[in-house]
Amino acid sequence: MISATTMNTALEPAHRERLMRLARPVSFEAGTRLFEEGGRADRFWIVRTGTVALHMHVPGRRPAVVESLGPGQLVGWSWHFPPYLWHLGAETTSPIRAWEFDTETVRAMCAEDAEFGRSIAVWVGRVAAQRLHATRVRLLDLYAPYGSGDVL
């Protein structure tokens, strides 16, 4: 199943091409921390190959992995919403290749072109909503007395 939150599905070709002009290819070894909760969200990535685990600090316990991201998926959405601080942490679980984007440049492009900005906002909003839902389900599975049960 193709997710409606991948860049290739969520953005129309003209907006996708415009965003990709800003892409910088990067690679990271397994175990690289991309960001920590509360840190400044000054960039984001789209995974080309490999996997990234999103994790959440849980007091008195090891960080809880709430989702794993793979090819085509956006890593980081906090850059789009003030105060531009990460809400989760992220660490590579395998070597990855990704496209990296500078958030100030992307936000400036969004401000200059309302149609492009709306397209990016809808995409990032969908990703945020999907990730919040996935986090809720995962935390219920991990910490609720009887698992997540039925999720409405």
C-alpha atoms as a PDB file:
ATOM      1  CA  MET A   1       0.000   0.000   0.000  1.00  0.00           C
ATOM      2  CA  ILE A   2       1.325   3.447  -0.925  1.00  0.00           C
ATOM      3  CA  SER A   3       0.969   5.960   1.873  1.00  0.00           C
ATOM      4  CA  ALA A   4      -0.732   9.291   1.217  1.00  0.00           C
ATOM      5  CA  THR A   5       2.000  10.815   3.377  1.00  0.00           C
ATOM      6  CA  THR A   6       4.972  10.052   1.113  1.00  0.00           C
ATOM      7  CA  MET A   7       6.241  13.051  -0.809  1.00  0.00           C
ATOM      8  CA  ASN A   8       5.707  11.381  -4.193  1.00  0.00           C
ATOM      9  CA  THR A   9       2.050  10.739  -3.401  1.00  0.00           C
ATOM     10  CA  ALA A  10       1.237  13.866  -1.385  1.00  0.00           C
ATOM     11  CA  LEU A  11       2.775  16.571  -3.596  1.00  0.00           C
ATOM     12  CA  GLU A  12       1.832  17.316  -7.168  1.00  0.00           C
ATOM     13  CA  PRO A  13       4.779  17.007  -9.587  1.00  0.00           C
ATOM     14  CA  ALA A  14       5.456  20.759  -9.929  1.00  0.00           C
ATOM     15  CA  HIS A  15       5.638  21.236  -6.141  1.00  0.00           C
ATOM     16  CA  ARG A  16       7.681  18.085  -5.670  1.00  0.00           C
ATOM     17  CA  GLU A  17      10.180  19.222  -8.327  1.00  0.00           C
ATOM     18  CA  ARG A  18      10.420  22.665  -6.762  1.00  0.00           C
ATOM     19  CA  LEU A  19      11.090  21.188  -3.320  1.00  0.00           C
ATOM     20  CA  MET A  20      13.646  18.726  -4.700  1.00  0.00           C
ATOM     21  CA  ARG A  21      15.728  21.582  -6.112  1.00  0.00           C
ATOM     22  CA  LEU A  22      16.631  22.284  -2.473  1.00  0.00           C
ATOM     23  CA  ALA A  23      17.552  18.675  -1.653  1.00  0.00           C
ATOM     24  CA  ARG A  24      21.041  17.784  -0.535  1.00  0.00           C
ATOM     25  CA  PRO A  25      22.017  14.091  -0.628  1.00  0.00           C
ATOM     26  CA  VAL A  26      23.273  12.772   2.719  1.00  0.00           C
ATOM     27  CA  SER A  27      24.070   9.389   4.212  1.00  0.00           C
ATOM     28  CA  PHE A  28      24.303   8.183   7.804  1.00  0.00           C
ATOM     29  CA  GLU A  29      25.604   5.016   9.435  1.00  0.00           C
ATOM     30  CA  ALA A  30      23.346   2.831  11.566  1.00  0.00           C
ATOM     31  CA  GLY A  31      22.973   4.228  15.087  1.00  0.00           C
ATOM     32  CA  THR A  32      23.259   7.892  14.079  1.00  0.00           C
ATOM     33  CA  ARG A  33      21.001  10.194  16.090  1.00  0.00           C
ATOM     34  CA  LEU A  34      19.380  12.635  13.701  1.00  0.00           C
ATOM     35  CA  PHE A  35      17.704  14.671  16.444  1.00  0.00           C
ATOM     36  CA  GLU A  36      16.553  14.612  20.070  1.00  0.00           C
ATOM     37  CA  GLU A  37      13.304  15.704  21.682  1.00  0.00           C
ATOM     38  CA  GLY A  38      13.394  19.425  22.413  1.00  0.00           C
ATOM     39  CA  GLY A  39      16.223  20.161  19.975  1.00  0.00           C
ATOM     40  CA  ARG A  40      16.012  22.851  17.301  1.00  0.00           C
ATOM     41  CA  ALA A  41      14.218  21.572  14.182  1.00  0.00           C
ATOM     42  CA  ASP A  42      16.385  23.182  11.508  1.00  0.00           C
ATOM     43  CA  ARG A  43      16.253  20.477   8.827  1.00  0.00           C
ATOM     44  CA  PHE A  44      14.233  17.504   7.657  1.00  0.00           C
ATOM     45  CA  TRP A  45      14.880  14.449   5.530  1.00  0.00           C
ATOM     46  CA  ILE A  46      13.200  12.186   3.024  1.00  0.00           C
ATOM     47  CA  VAL A  47      14.542   8.648   3.297  1.00  0.00           C
ATOM     48  CA  ARG A  48      15.869   7.152   0.080  1.00  0.00           C
ATOM     49  CA  THR A  49      17.176   3.847   1.515  1.00  0.00           C
ATOM     50  CA  GLY A  50      17.326   2.368   5.007  1.00  0.00           C
ATOM     51  CA  THR A  51      15.269   2.915   8.149  1.00  0.00           C
ATOM     52  CA  VAL A  52      14.929   5.496  10.909  1.00  0.00           C
ATOM     53  CA  ALA A  53      13.289   4.855  14.288  1.00  0.00           C
ATOM     54  CA  LEU A  54      11.276   7.593  15.957  1.00  0.00           C
ATOM     55  CA  HIS A  55      11.424   7.367  19.719  1.00  0.00           C
ATOM     56  CA  MET A  56       9.856   9.091  22.678  1.00  0.00           C
ATOM     57  CA  HIS A  57      11.349   9.732  26.100  1.00  0.00           C
ATOM     58  CA  VAL A  58       9.472   7.811  28.781  1.00  0.00           C
ATOM     59  CA  PRO A  59      10.475   8.756  32.364  1.00  0.00           C
ATOM     60  CA  GLY A  60      12.086   5.857  34.199  1.00  0.00           C
ATOM     61  CA  ARG A  61      12.261   3.664  31.090  1.00  0.00           C
ATOM     62  CA  ARG A  62      14.247   3.290  27.909  1.00  0.00           C
ATOM     63  CA  PRO A  63      13.043   5.489  25.032  1.00  0.00           C
ATOM     64  CA  ALA A  64      10.003   3.923  23.377  1.00  0.00           C
ATOM     65  CA  VAL A  65      10.242   3.407  19.627  1.00  0.00           C
ATOM     66  CA  VAL A  66       6.926   4.634  18.293  1.00  0.00           C
ATOM     67  CA  GLU A  67       7.449   4.208  14.561  1.00  0.00           C
ATOM     68  CA  SER A  68       9.982   3.090  11.970  1.00  0.00           C
ATOM     69  CA  LEU A  69      10.301   5.062   8.743  1.00  0.00           C
ATOM     70  CA  GLY A  70      11.590   3.825   5.417  1.00  0.00           C
ATOM     71  CA  PRO A  71      12.049   4.860   1.795  1.00  0.00           C
ATOM     72  CA  GLY A  72       9.956   7.792   0.625  1.00  0.00           C
ATOM     73  CA  GLN A  73       8.966   8.873   4.111  1.00  0.00           C
ATOM     74  CA  LEU A  74       9.443  12.266   5.729  1.00  0.00           C
ATOM     75  CA  VAL A  75      11.666  12.332   8.806  1.00  0.00           C
ATOM     76  CA  GLY A  76      10.739  15.352  10.889  1.00  0.00           C
ATOM     77  CA  TRP A  77       7.651  17.535  10.772  1.00  0.00           C
ATOM     78  CA  SER A  78       8.281  19.804  13.773  1.00  0.00           C
ATOM     79  CA  TRP A  79      10.221  22.233  11.529  1.00  0.00           C
ATOM     80  CA  HIS A  80       6.920  23.383  10.045  1.00  0.00           C
ATOM     81  CA  PHE A  81       5.232  24.462  13.281  1.00  0.00           C
ATOM     82  CA  PRO A  82       6.464  27.037  15.815  1.00  0.00           C
ATOM     83  CA  PRO A  83       8.394  26.891  18.076  1.00  0.00           C
ATOM     84  CA  TYR A  84      10.338  24.627  15.625  1.00  0.00           C
ATOM     85  CA  LEU A  85      11.475  22.100  18.243  1.00  0.00           C
ATOM     86  CA  TRP A  86      11.518  18.320  17.810  1.00  0.00           C
ATOM     87  CA  HIS A  87       8.670  16.458  19.522  1.00  0.00           C
ATOM     88  CA  LEU A  88      10.366  13.049  19.270  1.00  0.00           C
ATOM     89  CA  GLY A  89      13.864  11.730  18.789  1.00  0.00           C
ATOM     90  CA  ALA A  90      15.137   9.929  15.688  1.00  0.00           C
ATOM     91  CA  GLU A  91      17.933   7.418  15.178  1.00  0.00           C
ATOM     92  CA  THR A  92      18.962   5.439  12.122  1.00  0.00           C
ATOM     93  CA  THR A  93      18.482   1.681  12.557  1.00  0.00           C
ATOM     94  CA  SER A  94      20.381   0.832   9.387  1.00  0.00           C
ATOM     95  CA  PRO A  95      22.670   2.797   7.103  1.00  0.00           C
ATOM     96  CA  ILE A  96      20.523   5.340   5.302  1.00  0.00           C
ATOM     97  CA  ARG A  97      20.692   7.566   2.287  1.00  0.00           C
ATOM     98  CA  ALA A  98      18.359  10.533   2.343  1.00  0.00           C
ATOM     99  CA  TRP A  99      17.566  13.917   0.900  1.00  0.00           C
ATOM    100  CA  GLU A 100      18.160  16.688   3.453  1.00  0.00           C
ATOM    101  CA  PHE A 101      16.379  20.053   3.388  1.00  0.00           C
ATOM    102  CA  ASP A 102      17.111  23.318   5.173  1.00  0.00           C
ATOM    103  CA  THR A 103      13.925  24.368   6.945  1.00  0.00           C
ATOM    104  CA  GLU A 104      14.429  28.132   6.766  1.00  0.00           C
ATOM    105  CA  THR A 105      14.763  27.959   2.991  1.00  0.00           C
ATOM    106  CA  VAL A 106      11.673  25.759   2.632  1.00  0.00           C
ATOM    107  CA  ARG A 107       9.607  27.966   4.960  1.00  0.00           C
ATOM    108  CA  ALA A 108      10.679  31.060   2.959  1.00  0.00           C
ATOM    109  CA  MET A 109       9.548  29.373  -0.271  1.00  0.00           C
ATOM    110  CA  CYS A 110       6.223  28.528   1.367  1.00  0.00           C
ATOM    111  CA  ALA A 111       5.760  32.171   2.416  1.00  0.00           C
ATOM    112  CA  GLU A 112       6.576  33.433  -1.100  1.00  0.00           C
ATOM    113  CA  ASP A 113       4.176  31.117  -2.943  1.00  0.00           C
ATOM    114  CA  ALA A 114       0.827  30.478  -1.230  1.00  0.00           C
ATOM    115  CA  GLU A 115      -0.081  27.489  -3.432  1.00  0.00           C
ATOM    116  CA  PHE A 116       3.267  25.804  -2.816  1.00  0.00           C
ATOM    117  CA  GLY A 117       3.022  26.657   0.891  1.00  0.00           C
ATOM    118  CA  ARG A 118      -0.455  25.177   1.178  1.00  0.00           C
ATOM    119  CA  SER A 119       0.679  22.001  -0.563  1.00  0.00           C
ATOM    120  CA  ILE A 120       3.604  21.602   1.833  1.00  0.00           C
ATOM    121  CA  ALA A 121       1.392  22.407   4.850  1.00  0.00           C
ATOM    122  CA  VAL A 122      -1.218  19.808   3.882  1.00  0.00           C
ATOM    123  CA  TRP A 123       1.493  17.183   3.346  1.00  0.00           C
ATOM    124  CA  VAL A 124       3.255  17.916   6.637  1.00  0.00           C
ATOM    125  CA  GLY A 125      -0.080  18.095   8.480  1.00  0.00           C
ATOM    126  CA  ARG A 126      -1.051  14.646   7.161  1.00  0.00           C
ATOM    127  CA  VAL A 127       2.291  13.260   8.250  1.00  0.00           C
ATOM    128  CA  ALA A 128       1.896  14.802  11.731  1.00  0.00           C
ATOM    129  CA  ALA A 129      -1.628  13.405  12.124  1.00  0.00           C
ATOM    130  CA  GLN A 130      -0.549   9.935  11.003  1.00  0.00           C
ATOM    131  CA  ARG A 131       2.480   9.972  13.323  1.00  0.00           C
ATOM    132  CA  LEU A 132       0.445  11.108  16.327  1.00  0.00           C
ATOM    133  CA  HIS A 133      -2.028   8.293  15.707  1.00  0.00           C
ATOM    134  CA  ALA A 134       0.783   5.737  15.324  1.00  0.00           C
ATOM    135  CA  THR A 135       2.427   7.011  18.522  1.00  0.00           C
ATOM    136  CA  ARG A 136      -0.811   6.681  20.463  1.00  0.00           C
ATOM    137  CA  VAL A 137      -1.361   3.118  19.258  1.00  0.00           C
ATOM    138  CA  ARG A 138       2.241   2.108  19.968  1.00  0.00           C
ATOM    139  CA  LEU A 139       2.258   3.594  23.470  1.00  0.00           C
ATOM    140  CA  LEU A 140      -1.029   1.861  24.280  1.00  0.00           C
ATOM    141  CA  ASP A 141       0.472  -1.414  23.069  1.00  0.00           C
ATOM    142  CA  LEU A 142       3.543  -0.888  25.245  1.00  0.00           C
ATOM    143  CA  TYR A 143       2.117   0.600  28.421  1.00  0.00           C
ATOM    144  CA  ALA A 144      -1.659   0.158  28.694  1.00  0.00           C
ATOM    145  CA  PRO A 145      -2.792  -2.690  30.980  1.00  0.00           C
ATOM    146  CA  TYR A 146      -4.567  -4.603  28.197  1.00  0.00           C
ATOM    147  CA  GLY A 147      -2.910  -3.270  25.043  1.00  0.00           C
ATOM    148  CA  SER A 148      -4.505  -0.868  22.634  1.00  0.00           C
ATOM    149  CA  GLY A 149      -7.720  -2.760  22.065  1.00  0.00           C
ATOM    150  CA  ASP A 150      -9.990  -1.118  19.540  1.00  0.00           C
ATOM    151  CA  VAL A 151      -8.792   2.220  18.255  1.00  0.00           C
ATOM    152  CA  LEU A 152     -11.540   4.533  17.028  1.00  0.00           C
END
